[in-house]
């Protein structure tokens, strides 16, 4: 299982995949609150699909936001932290 975080300007999309098979997604407009919304939304998505965070083997990020923007830095930190935690 994989979760992709897609950031396109103010649009945020979390996509749950099993290989290349689409399972679920959540979309919202970022109001400079990515960190506040990310974890409750991912928790709901996992619960809805009878999954646990340990079932996710990879987290990826796709964005067109320049690296210097706070939202992009937060997103990169979230993804790196989740991938690190899964490997530990």
C-alpha atoms as a PDB file:
ATOM      1  CA  UNK A   1       0.000   0.000   0.000  1.00  0.00           C
ATOM      2  CA  UNK A   2       1.123   3.532  -0.723  1.00  0.00           C
ATOM      3  CA  UNK A   3      -0.145   6.989   0.100  1.00  0.00           C
ATOM      4  CA  UNK A   4       0.592   9.842  -2.268  1.00  0.00           C
ATOM      5  CA  UNK A   5       0.375  13.451  -1.131  1.00  0.00           C
ATOM      6  CA  UNK A   6      -0.280  15.736  -4.096  1.00  0.00           C
ATOM      7  CA  UNK A   7       0.108  19.496  -3.651  1.00  0.00           C
ATOM      8  CA  UNK A   8      -0.868  21.711  -6.547  1.00  0.00           C
ATOM      9  CA  UNK A   9      -0.960  25.358  -5.530  1.00  0.00           C
ATOM     10  CA  UNK A  10      -3.769  25.428  -2.935  1.00  0.00           C
ATOM     11  CA  UNK A  11      -5.188  21.972  -3.721  1.00  0.00           C
ATOM     12  CA  UNK A  12      -4.220  19.033  -1.523  1.00  0.00           C
ATOM     13  CA  UNK A  13      -5.011  15.440  -2.454  1.00  0.00           C
ATOM     14  CA  UNK A  14      -4.213  12.270  -0.502  1.00  0.00           C
ATOM     15  CA  UNK A  15      -4.407   9.146  -2.640  1.00  0.00           C
ATOM     16  CA  UNK A  16      -4.372   5.601  -1.267  1.00  0.00           C
ATOM     17  CA  UNK A  17      -3.035   3.020  -3.715  1.00  0.00           C
ATOM     18  CA  UNK A  18      -2.477  -0.715  -3.664  1.00  0.00           C
ATOM     19  CA  UNK A  19       0.212  -1.080  -6.302  1.00  0.00           C
ATOM     20  CA  UNK A  20      -1.265   0.818  -9.211  1.00  0.00           C
ATOM     21  CA  UNK A  21      -4.840   0.159  -8.070  1.00  0.00           C
ATOM     22  CA  UNK A  22      -6.702   3.223  -6.790  1.00  0.00           C
ATOM     23  CA  UNK A  23      -8.331   2.600  -3.404  1.00  0.00           C
ATOM     24  CA  UNK A  24      -9.414   5.981  -1.981  1.00  0.00           C
ATOM     25  CA  UNK A  25      -8.708   9.709  -1.956  1.00  0.00           C
ATOM     26  CA  UNK A  26      -9.365  12.845   0.053  1.00  0.00           C
ATOM     27  CA  UNK A  27      -9.222  16.386  -1.354  1.00  0.00           C
ATOM     28  CA  UNK A  28      -9.226  19.773   0.323  1.00  0.00           C
ATOM     29  CA  UNK A  29      -8.105  23.339  -0.225  1.00  0.00           C
ATOM     30  CA  UNK A  30      -5.025  24.268   1.780  1.00  0.00           C
ATOM     31  CA  UNK A  31      -5.580  27.263   4.019  1.00  0.00           C
ATOM     32  CA  UNK A  32      -2.048  27.196   5.447  1.00  0.00           C
ATOM     33  CA  UNK A  33      -3.117  24.376   7.770  1.00  0.00           C
ATOM     34  CA  UNK A  34      -1.658  21.285   6.084  1.00  0.00           C
ATOM     35  CA  UNK A  35      -0.080  19.980   9.283  1.00  0.00           C
ATOM     36  CA  UNK A  36      -3.301  20.484  11.239  1.00  0.00           C
ATOM     37  CA  UNK A  37      -5.488  18.671   8.685  1.00  0.00           C
ATOM     38  CA  UNK A  38      -3.149  15.972   7.346  1.00  0.00           C
ATOM     39  CA  UNK A  39      -3.125  13.515  10.251  1.00  0.00           C
ATOM     40  CA  UNK A  40      -6.869  13.512  11.067  1.00  0.00           C
ATOM     41  CA  UNK A  41      -7.664  13.065   7.370  1.00  0.00           C
ATOM     42  CA  UNK A  42      -5.170  10.239   6.862  1.00  0.00           C
ATOM     43  CA  UNK A  43      -6.461   8.570  10.030  1.00  0.00           C
ATOM     44  CA  UNK A  44     -10.048   8.724   8.742  1.00  0.00           C
ATOM     45  CA  UNK A  45      -8.987   7.398   5.330  1.00  0.00           C
ATOM     46  CA  UNK A  46      -7.168   4.446   6.878  1.00  0.00           C
ATOM     47  CA  UNK A  47     -10.075   3.660   9.234  1.00  0.00           C
ATOM     48  CA  UNK A  48     -12.580   3.826   6.385  1.00  0.00           C
ATOM     49  CA  UNK A  49     -10.506   1.228   4.509  1.00  0.00           C
ATOM     50  CA  UNK A  50      -9.865  -0.992   7.553  1.00  0.00           C
ATOM     51  CA  UNK A  51      -6.136  -0.226   7.448  1.00  0.00           C
ATOM     52  CA  UNK A  52      -3.521   0.747   9.979  1.00  0.00           C
ATOM     53  CA  UNK A  53      -0.624   3.120   9.371  1.00  0.00           C
ATOM     54  CA  UNK A  54       1.700   0.089   9.499  1.00  0.00           C
ATOM     55  CA  UNK A  55      -0.058  -1.266   6.368  1.00  0.00           C
ATOM     56  CA  UNK A  56       1.363   1.633   4.362  1.00  0.00           C
ATOM     57  CA  UNK A  57       4.778   0.768   2.982  1.00  0.00           C
ATOM     58  CA  UNK A  58       5.569   4.010   1.179  1.00  0.00           C
ATOM     59  CA  UNK A  59       4.602   7.665   1.300  1.00  0.00           C
ATOM     60  CA  UNK A  60       5.302   9.911  -1.684  1.00  0.00           C
ATOM     61  CA  UNK A  61       4.966  13.595  -2.459  1.00  0.00           C
ATOM     62  CA  UNK A  62       4.281  15.322  -5.751  1.00  0.00           C
ATOM     63  CA  UNK A  63       4.154  19.090  -5.792  1.00  0.00           C
ATOM     64  CA  UNK A  64       4.547  22.087  -8.048  1.00  0.00           C
ATOM     65  CA  UNK A  65       5.089  24.399  -5.070  1.00  0.00           C
ATOM     66  CA  UNK A  66       8.635  25.793  -4.806  1.00  0.00           C
ATOM     67  CA  UNK A  67      10.701  24.173  -2.027  1.00  0.00           C
ATOM     68  CA  UNK A  68      11.044  27.469  -0.138  1.00  0.00           C
ATOM     69  CA  UNK A  69       7.342  27.764   0.644  1.00  0.00           C
ATOM     70  CA  UNK A  70       6.274  26.705   4.124  1.00  0.00           C
ATOM     71  CA  UNK A  71       3.574  24.324   2.890  1.00  0.00           C
ATOM     72  CA  UNK A  72       6.100  22.517   0.677  1.00  0.00           C
ATOM     73  CA  UNK A  73       8.606  22.271   3.536  1.00  0.00           C
ATOM     74  CA  UNK A  74       5.920  20.904   5.878  1.00  0.00           C
ATOM     75  CA  UNK A  75       4.794  18.361   3.267  1.00  0.00           C
ATOM     76  CA  UNK A  76       8.357  17.160   2.675  1.00  0.00           C
ATOM     77  CA  UNK A  77       8.940  16.838   6.413  1.00  0.00           C
ATOM     78  CA  UNK A  78       5.718  14.840   6.909  1.00  0.00           C
ATOM     79  CA  UNK A  79       6.561  12.429   4.083  1.00  0.00           C
ATOM     80  CA  UNK A  80      10.197  11.969   5.130  1.00  0.00           C
ATOM     81  CA  UNK A  81       9.143  11.373   8.758  1.00  0.00           C
ATOM     82  CA  UNK A  82       6.479   8.821   7.850  1.00  0.00           C
ATOM     83  CA  UNK A  83       8.864   6.921   5.558  1.00  0.00           C
ATOM     84  CA  UNK A  84      11.555   6.964   8.246  1.00  0.00           C
ATOM     85  CA  UNK A  85       9.097   5.666  10.861  1.00  0.00           C
ATOM     86  CA  UNK A  86       7.969   2.838   8.575  1.00  0.00           C
ATOM     87  CA  UNK A  87      11.568   1.666   8.100  1.00  0.00           C
ATOM     88  CA  UNK A  88      12.349   1.713  11.831  1.00  0.00           C
END
